[in-house]
PDB file of N, CA and C in Angstrom:
ATOM      1  N   MET A   1     -38.886 -20.954 164.960  1.00  0.00           N
ATOM      2  CA  MET A   1     -39.999 -22.196 164.537  1.00  0.00           C
ATOM      3  C   MET A   1     -41.085 -21.310 163.871  1.00  0.00           C
ATOM      4  N   MET A   2     -41.309 -20.112 164.281  1.00  0.00           N
ATOM      5  CA  MET A   2     -42.309 -19.103 163.496  1.00  0.00           C
ATOM      6  C   MET A   2     -41.907 -18.462 161.952  1.00  0.00           C
ATOM      7  N   TYR A   3     -40.641 -18.527 161.870  1.00  0.00           N
ATOM      8  CA  TYR A   3     -40.155 -17.777 160.664  1.00  0.00           C
ATOM      9  C   TYR A   3     -40.106 -19.147 159.731  1.00  0.00           C
ATOM     10  N   ALA A   4     -39.631 -20.553 160.127  1.00  0.00           N
ATOM     11  CA  ALA A   4     -39.826 -21.457 159.114  1.00  0.00           C
ATOM     12  C   ALA A   4     -41.369 -21.888 158.663  1.00  0.00           C
ATOM     13  N   SER A   5     -42.143 -21.900 159.713  1.00  0.00           N
ATOM     14  CA  SER A   5     -43.645 -22.203 159.237  1.00  0.00           C
ATOM     15  C   SER A   5     -44.496 -21.310 158.526  1.00  0.00           C
ATOM     16  N   MET A   6     -44.232 -19.877 158.698  1.00  0.00           N
ATOM     17  CA  MET A   6     -44.726 -18.864 157.603  1.00  0.00           C
ATOM     18  C   MET A   6     -44.069 -19.288 156.628  1.00  0.00           C
ATOM     19  N   LEU A   7     -42.740 -19.340 156.453  1.00  0.00           N
ATOM     20  CA  LEU A   7     -42.133 -19.518 155.261  1.00  0.00           C
ATOM     21  C   LEU A   7     -42.926 -20.645 154.123  1.00  0.00           C
ATOM     22  N   TYR A   8     -42.805 -21.721 155.242  1.00  0.00           N
ATOM     23  CA  TYR A   8     -43.169 -22.903 154.322  1.00  0.00           C
ATOM     24  C   TYR A   8     -44.690 -22.895 153.855  1.00  0.00           C
ATOM     25  N   ASN A   9     -45.339 -22.185 154.743  1.00  0.00           N
ATOM     26  CA  ASN A   9     -46.801 -21.778 154.230  1.00  0.00           C
ATOM     27  C   ASN A   9     -46.838 -20.723 153.077  1.00  0.00           C
ATOM     28  N   ARG A  10     -46.066 -20.164 153.178  1.00  0.00           N
ATOM     29  CA  ARG A  10     -46.331 -19.100 152.122  1.00  0.00           C
ATOM     30  C   ARG A  10     -45.829 -19.805 150.865  1.00  0.00           C
ATOM     31  N   ILE A  11     -44.657 -20.570 150.814  1.00  0.00           N
ATOM     32  CA  ILE A  11     -44.471 -21.450 149.566  1.00  0.00           C
ATOM     33  C   ILE A  11     -45.452 -22.567 149.186  1.00  0.00           C
ATOM     34  N   ASN A  12     -46.127 -22.975 149.947  1.00  0.00           N
ATOM     35  CA  ASN A  12     -46.896 -24.264 149.708  1.00  0.00           C
ATOM     36  C   ASN A  12     -48.251 -24.115 150.209  1.00  0.00           C
ATOM     37  N   LYS A  13     -48.792 -22.929 150.499  1.00  0.00           N
ATOM     38  CA  LYS A  13     -50.254 -22.800 150.861  1.00  0.00           C
ATOM     39  C   LYS A  13     -51.374 -23.325 149.725  1.00  0.00           C
ATOM     40  N   ASN A  14     -50.914 -23.294 148.548  1.00  0.00           N
ATOM     41  CA  ASN A  14     -51.850 -23.570 147.400  1.00  0.00           C
ATOM     42  C   ASN A  14     -51.570 -25.139 147.290  1.00  0.00           C
ATOM     43  N   LYS A  15     -50.620 -25.774 147.737  1.00  0.00           N
ATOM     44  CA  LYS A  15     -50.300 -27.202 147.090  1.00  0.00           C
ATOM     45  C   LYS A  15     -51.247 -28.222 147.690  1.00  0.00           C
ATOM     46  N   ASP A  16     -52.234 -28.924 147.039  1.00  0.00           N
ATOM     47  CA  ASP A  16     -53.277 -29.739 147.457  1.00  0.00           C
ATOM     48  C   ASP A  16     -52.322 -31.128 147.272  1.00  0.00           C
ATOM     49  N   ILE A  17     -52.621 -32.120 148.661  1.00  0.00           N
ATOM     50  CA  ILE A  17     -52.064 -33.165 148.749  1.00  0.00           C
ATOM     51  C   ILE A  17     -53.393 -34.223 149.140  1.00  0.00           C
ATOM     52  N   PRO A  18     -53.039 -35.431 148.609  1.00  0.00           N
ATOM     53  CA  PRO A  18     -53.953 -36.370 148.722  1.00  0.00           C
ATOM     54  C   PRO A  18     -53.829 -37.245 149.864  1.00  0.00           C
ATOM     55  N   LEU A  19     -54.539 -37.211 150.976  1.00  0.00           N
ATOM     56  CA  LEU A  19     -54.197 -37.776 152.014  1.00  0.00           C
ATOM     57  C   LEU A  19     -55.135 -39.091 152.263  1.00  0.00           C
ATOM     58  N   LEU A  20     -56.510 -39.166 151.783  1.00  0.00           N
ATOM     59  CA  LEU A  20     -57.460 -39.935 151.606  1.00  0.00           C
ATOM     60  C   LEU A  20     -57.914 -40.046 150.361  1.00  0.00           C
ATOM     61  N   GLU A  21     -58.492 -41.158 149.923  1.00  0.00           N
ATOM     62  CA  GLU A  21     -58.843 -41.537 148.448  1.00  0.00           C
ATOM     63  C   GLU A  21     -60.085 -40.422 148.228  1.00  0.00           C
ATOM     64  N   GLY A  22     -59.896 -39.789 147.236  1.00  0.00           N
ATOM     65  CA  GLY A  22     -61.269 -38.665 146.849  1.00  0.00           C
ATOM     66  C   GLY A  22     -61.047 -37.263 147.703  1.00  0.00           C
ATOM     67  N   ASP A  23     -60.239 -37.414 148.508  1.00  0.00           N
ATOM     68  CA  ASP A  23     -60.181 -36.130 149.326  1.00  0.00           C
ATOM     69  C   ASP A  23     -58.681 -35.387 149.602  1.00  0.00           C
ATOM     70  N   THR A  24     -58.468 -34.384 149.504  1.00  0.00           N
ATOM     71  CA  THR A  24     -57.405 -33.566 149.405  1.00  0.00           C
ATOM     72  C   THR A  24     -57.319 -32.382 150.667  1.00  0.00           C
ATOM     73  N   VAL A  25     -55.753 -32.135 151.166  1.00  0.00           N
ATOM     74  CA  VAL A  25     -56.143 -30.915 152.233  1.00  0.00           C
ATOM     75  C   VAL A  25     -54.887 -30.142 151.780  1.00  0.00           C
ATOM     76  N   LYS A  26     -54.523 -29.004 152.181  1.00  0.00           N
ATOM     77  CA  LYS A  26     -53.800 -28.221 151.714  1.00  0.00           C
ATOM     78  C   LYS A  26     -52.368 -28.764 152.573  1.00  0.00           C
ATOM     79  N   GLN A  27     -51.442 -28.401 151.832  1.00  0.00           N
ATOM     80  CA  GLN A  27     -50.341 -28.888 152.450  1.00  0.00           C
ATOM     81  C   GLN A  27     -49.437 -28.295 153.440  1.00  0.00           C
ATOM     82  N   SER A  28     -50.064 -26.838 153.856  1.00  0.00           N
ATOM     83  CA  SER A  28     -49.778 -25.946 154.776  1.00  0.00           C
ATOM     84  C   SER A  28     -50.734 -24.865 154.980  1.00  0.00           C
ATOM     85  N   SER A  29     -51.130 -24.828 156.158  1.00  0.00           N
ATOM     86  CA  SER A  29     -51.978 -24.044 156.586  1.00  0.00           C
ATOM     87  C   SER A  29     -51.902 -23.495 157.971  1.00  0.00           C
ATOM     88  N   TYR A  30     -52.698 -21.979 158.144  1.00  0.00           N
ATOM     89  CA  TYR A  30     -52.427 -21.688 159.718  1.00  0.00           C
ATOM     90  C   TYR A  30     -53.709 -21.373 160.182  1.00  0.00           C
ATOM     91  N   GLN A  31     -54.155 -20.959 161.395  1.00  0.00           N
ATOM     92  CA  GLN A  31     -55.151 -20.579 161.757  1.00  0.00           C
ATOM     93  C   GLN A  31     -54.552 -19.798 163.318  1.00  0.00           C
ATOM     94  N   ARG A  32     -55.652 -18.920 163.325  1.00  0.00           N
ATOM     95  CA  ARG A  32     -55.509 -17.680 164.439  1.00  0.00           C
ATOM     96  C   ARG A  32     -56.164 -17.954 165.625  1.00  0.00           C
ATOM     97  N   PHE A  33     -55.815 -18.141 166.740  1.00  0.00           N
ATOM     98  CA  PHE A  33     -56.788 -18.445 167.822  1.00  0.00           C
ATOM     99  C   PHE A  33     -56.353 -17.082 168.862  1.00  0.00           C
ATOM    100  N   GLU A  34     -57.417 -16.963 169.559  1.00  0.00           N
ATOM    101  CA  GLU A  34     -57.314 -16.148 170.798  1.00  0.00           C
ATOM    102  C   GLU A  34     -57.872 -17.033 172.028  1.00  0.00           C
ATOM    103  N   GLY A  35     -56.648 -16.920 172.993  1.00  0.00           N
ATOM    104  CA  GLY A  35     -56.995 -17.687 174.114  1.00  0.00           C
ATOM    105  C   GLY A  35     -57.739 -17.139 175.260  1.00  0.00           C
ATOM    106  N   LYS A  36     -58.227 -17.586 176.140  1.00  0.00           N
ATOM    107  CA  LYS A  36     -59.277 -17.345 177.094  1.00  0.00           C
ATOM    108  C   LYS A  36     -58.442 -15.810 177.831  1.00  0.00           C
ATOM    109  N   ASP A  37     -57.326 -16.002 178.002  1.00  0.00           N
ATOM    110  CA  ASP A  37     -56.496 -14.902 178.479  1.00  0.00           C
ATOM    111  C   ASP A  37     -56.333 -13.587 177.627  1.00  0.00           C
ATOM    112  N   GLY A  38     -56.655 -13.615 176.230  1.00  0.00           N
ATOM    113  CA  GLY A  38     -56.567 -12.557 175.378  1.00  0.00           C
ATOM    114  C   GLY A  38     -55.155 -12.814 174.570  1.00  0.00           C
ATOM    115  N   THR A  39     -54.515 -13.968 174.651  1.00  0.00           N
ATOM    116  CA  THR A  39     -53.111 -14.239 174.066  1.00  0.00           C
ATOM    117  C   THR A  39     -53.551 -14.490 172.793  1.00  0.00           C
ATOM    118  N   LEU A  40     -53.000 -13.898 171.745  1.00  0.00           N
ATOM    119  CA  LEU A  40     -53.374 -14.758 170.099  1.00  0.00           C
ATOM    120  C   LEU A  40     -52.091 -15.655 170.036  1.00  0.00           C
ATOM    121  N   TYR A  41     -52.581 -16.572 169.184  1.00  0.00           N
ATOM    122  CA  TYR A  41     -51.793 -17.854 168.843  1.00  0.00           C
ATOM    123  C   TYR A  41     -52.075 -18.165 167.647  1.00  0.00           C
ATOM    124  N   LEU A  42     -51.216 -18.705 166.732  1.00  0.00           N
ATOM    125  CA  LEU A  42     -51.042 -19.133 165.263  1.00  0.00           C
ATOM    126  C   LEU A  42     -50.909 -20.654 165.494  1.00  0.00           C
ATOM    127  N   GLY A  43     -51.813 -21.659 164.651  1.00  0.00           N
ATOM    128  CA  GLY A  43     -51.712 -22.888 165.200  1.00  0.00           C
ATOM    129  C   GLY A  43     -51.294 -23.250 163.323  1.00  0.00           C
ATOM    130  N   PHE A  44     -50.131 -23.943 163.251  1.00  0.00           N
ATOM    131  CA  PHE A  44     -49.869 -24.418 161.888  1.00  0.00           C
ATOM    132  C   PHE A  44     -50.241 -25.932 161.775  1.00  0.00           C
ATOM    133  N   THR A  45     -50.492 -26.337 160.324  1.00  0.00           N
ATOM    134  CA  THR A  45     -50.730 -27.531 159.993  1.00  0.00           C
ATOM    135  C   THR A  45     -49.869 -27.578 158.977  1.00  0.00           C
ATOM    136  N   VAL A  46     -48.808 -28.655 158.855  1.00  0.00           N
ATOM    137  CA  VAL A  46     -48.072 -29.009 157.938  1.00  0.00           C
ATOM    138  C   VAL A  46     -47.750 -30.428 157.374  1.00  0.00           C
ATOM    139  N   PHE A  47     -47.654 -30.931 156.450  1.00  0.00           N
ATOM    140  CA  PHE A  47     -47.929 -31.927 156.032  1.00  0.00           C
ATOM    141  C   PHE A  47     -46.154 -32.291 155.082  1.00  0.00           C
ATOM    142  N   LEU A  48     -45.359 -32.964 155.648  1.00  0.00           N
ATOM    143  CA  LEU A  48     -44.062 -33.290 154.928  1.00  0.00           C
ATOM    144  C   LEU A  48     -43.905 -34.586 154.365  1.00  0.00           C
ATOM    145  N   PRO A  49     -43.518 -34.721 153.200  1.00  0.00           N
ATOM    146  CA  PRO A  49     -43.695 -36.324 152.451  1.00  0.00           C
ATOM    147  C   PRO A  49     -42.298 -36.415 153.232  1.00  0.00           C
ATOM    148  N   ILE A  50     -42.038 -37.650 153.351  1.00  0.00           N
ATOM    149  CA  ILE A  50     -40.924 -38.430 153.922  1.00  0.00           C
ATOM    150  C   ILE A  50     -40.357 -39.751 153.190  1.00  0.00           C
ATOM    151  N   ALA A  51     -39.296 -40.019 153.251  1.00  0.00           N
ATOM    152  CA  ALA A  51     -38.746 -41.418 152.670  1.00  0.00           C
ATOM    153  C   ALA A  51     -39.718 -42.310 153.201  1.00  0.00           C
ATOM    154  N   THR A  52     -39.969 -43.668 152.503  1.00  0.00           N
ATOM    155  CA  THR A  52     -40.535 -44.675 153.334  1.00  0.00           C
ATOM    156  C   THR A  52     -39.424 -45.493 154.648  1.00  0.00           C
ATOM    157  N   ASP A  53     -38.466 -45.199 154.336  1.00  0.00           N
ATOM    158  CA  ASP A  53     -37.308 -45.619 155.335  1.00  0.00           C
ATOM    159  C   ASP A  53     -37.214 -44.940 156.518  1.00  0.00           C
ATOM    160  N   TYR A  54     -37.889 -44.246 156.773  1.00  0.00           N
ATOM    161  CA  TYR A  54     -38.019 -43.093 157.739  1.00  0.00           C
ATOM    162  C   TYR A  54     -38.523 -44.090 159.047  1.00  0.00           C
ATOM    163  N   GLU A  55     -39.402 -44.968 158.810  1.00  0.00           N
ATOM    164  CA  GLU A  55     -39.941 -45.915 159.852  1.00  0.00           C
ATOM    165  C   GLU A  55     -39.023 -46.764 160.749  1.00  0.00           C
ATOM    166  N   VAL A  56     -38.051 -47.219 159.576  1.00  0.00           N
ATOM    167  CA  VAL A  56     -36.881 -48.476 160.191  1.00  0.00           C
ATOM    168  C   VAL A  56     -35.541 -47.745 160.583  1.00  0.00           C
ATOM    169  N   VAL A  57     -35.092 -46.836 159.935  1.00  0.00           N
ATOM    170  CA  VAL A  57     -34.150 -46.348 160.241  1.00  0.00           C
ATOM    171  C   VAL A  57     -33.962 -45.141 161.429  1.00  0.00           C
ATOM    172  N   THR A  58     -32.888 -45.310 162.360  1.00  0.00           N
ATOM    173  CA  THR A  58     -32.728 -44.515 163.365  1.00  0.00           C
ATOM    174  C   THR A  58     -31.767 -43.397 163.001  1.00  0.00           C
ATOM    175  N   GLY A  59     -31.734 -42.234 164.077  1.00  0.00           N
ATOM    176  CA  GLY A  59     -30.660 -41.311 163.335  1.00  0.00           C
ATOM    177  C   GLY A  59     -31.393 -39.660 163.270  1.00  0.00           C
ATOM    178  N   GLN A  60     -31.012 -39.308 162.076  1.00  0.00           N
ATOM    179  CA  GLN A  60     -31.390 -37.769 162.075  1.00  0.00           C
ATOM    180  C   GLN A  60     -32.531 -37.873 161.120  1.00  0.00           C
ATOM    181  N   PRO A  61     -33.622 -37.586 161.784  1.00  0.00           N
ATOM    182  CA  PRO A  61     -35.260 -37.680 161.113  1.00  0.00           C
ATOM    183  C   PRO A  61     -35.307 -36.621 159.733  1.00  0.00           C
ATOM    184  N   TRP A  62     -34.627 -35.663 160.151  1.00  0.00           N
ATOM    185  CA  TRP A  62     -34.918 -34.560 158.927  1.00  0.00           C
ATOM    186  C   TRP A  62     -34.239 -34.967 157.524  1.00  0.00           C
ATOM    187  N   ILE A  63     -33.454 -36.023 157.537  1.00  0.00           N
ATOM    188  CA  ILE A  63     -32.487 -36.471 156.487  1.00  0.00           C
ATOM    189  C   ILE A  63     -33.553 -37.172 155.459  1.00  0.00           C
ATOM    190  N   PHE A  64     -34.792 -37.411 156.059  1.00  0.00           N
ATOM    191  CA  PHE A  64     -35.682 -38.289 155.260  1.00  0.00           C
ATOM    192  C   PHE A  64     -36.681 -37.514 154.338  1.00  0.00           C
ATOM    193  N   ALA A  65     -36.842 -36.267 154.625  1.00  0.00           N
ATOM    194  CA  ALA A  65     -37.582 -35.188 154.009  1.00  0.00           C
ATOM    195  C   ALA A  65     -37.500 -35.007 152.788  1.00  0.00           C
ATOM    196  N   ILE A  66     -38.463 -35.119 151.806  1.00  0.00           N
ATOM    197  CA  ILE A  66     -38.410 -35.119 150.376  1.00  0.00           C
ATOM    198  C   ILE A  66     -38.400 -33.767 149.963  1.00  0.00           C
ATOM    199  N   GLU A  67     -37.435 -33.163 149.349  1.00  0.00           N
ATOM    200  CA  GLU A  67     -37.570 -31.950 149.190  1.00  0.00           C
ATOM    201  C   GLU A  67     -38.754 -31.514 148.082  1.00  0.00           C
ATOM    202  N   GLN A  68     -39.657 -30.189 148.201  1.00  0.00           N
ATOM    203  CA  GLN A  68     -40.764 -29.868 147.685  1.00  0.00           C
ATOM    204  C   GLN A  68     -40.313 -28.778 146.535  1.00  0.00           C
ATOM    205  N   ASN A  69     -39.673 -28.168 146.853  1.00  0.00           N
ATOM    206  CA  ASN A  69     -39.258 -27.096 145.780  1.00  0.00           C
ATOM    207  C   ASN A  69     -38.068 -26.349 145.918  1.00  0.00           C
ATOM    208  N   THR A  70     -37.918 -25.304 145.172  1.00  0.00           N
ATOM    209  CA  THR A  70     -36.593 -24.391 145.382  1.00  0.00           C
ATOM    210  C   THR A  70     -37.193 -22.670 145.216  1.00  0.00           C
ATOM    211  N   ALA A  71     -38.281 -22.752 145.842  1.00  0.00           N
ATOM    212  CA  ALA A  71     -38.984 -21.374 145.359  1.00  0.00           C
ATOM    213  C   ALA A  71     -38.345 -20.241 146.306  1.00  0.00           C
ATOM    214  N   SER A  72     -38.722 -19.452 146.143  1.00  0.00           N
ATOM    215  CA  SER A  72     -38.297 -17.999 147.011  1.00  0.00           C
ATOM    216  C   SER A  72     -39.338 -17.585 147.755  1.00  0.00           C
ATOM    217  N   GLY A  73     -38.974 -17.402 148.999  1.00  0.00           N
ATOM    218  CA  GLY A  73     -39.990 -17.093 149.704  1.00  0.00           C
ATOM    219  C   GLY A  73     -40.777 -15.691 149.445  1.00  0.00           C
ATOM    220  N   GLY A  74     -39.748 -14.805 148.792  1.00  0.00           N
ATOM    221  CA  GLY A  74     -40.247 -13.289 148.725  1.00  0.00           C
ATOM    222  C   GLY A  74     -39.371 -12.396 149.591  1.00  0.00           C
ATOM    223  N   ILE A  75     -39.516 -11.191 149.360  1.00  0.00           N
ATOM    224  CA  ILE A  75     -38.930  -9.994 149.628  1.00  0.00           C
ATOM    225  C   ILE A  75     -38.970 -10.086 151.072  1.00  0.00           C
ATOM    226  N   GLY A  76     -40.131 -10.226 151.765  1.00  0.00           N
ATOM    227  CA  GLY A  76     -40.251 -10.116 153.169  1.00  0.00           C
ATOM    228  C   GLY A  76     -39.439 -11.106 153.792  1.00  0.00           C
ATOM    229  N   PHE A  77     -39.375 -12.261 153.512  1.00  0.00           N
ATOM    230  CA  PHE A  77     -38.905 -13.431 154.174  1.00  0.00           C
ATOM    231  C   PHE A  77     -37.247 -13.783 153.914  1.00  0.00           C
ATOM    232  N   ASN A  78     -36.607 -12.863 152.867  1.00  0.00           N
ATOM    233  CA  ASN A  78     -35.043 -12.765 152.435  1.00  0.00           C
ATOM    234  C   ASN A  78     -34.319 -11.710 153.502  1.00  0.00           C
ATOM    235  N   SER A  79     -35.039 -11.198 153.839  1.00  0.00           N
ATOM    236  CA  SER A  79     -33.849 -10.251 154.654  1.00  0.00           C
ATOM    237  C   SER A  79     -33.635 -10.356 156.041  1.00  0.00           C
TER     238      SER A  79
END
């Protein structure tokens, strides 16, 4: 999960998507949090575009994701 989230963020962190009229958000972002016990956490926010029939068809939900790009994650993510 960590690898996929960090890779998606690296590739898409500068993409803005319109969620509300006149307002955009980053397609991917993460925040660093520290718990009361001192444990560090990364919290991810990811927006994935999906096909409209996702809501009515049962089965494998990942097949409804719309491909965003074919970019490489860079050296650190390819080893």
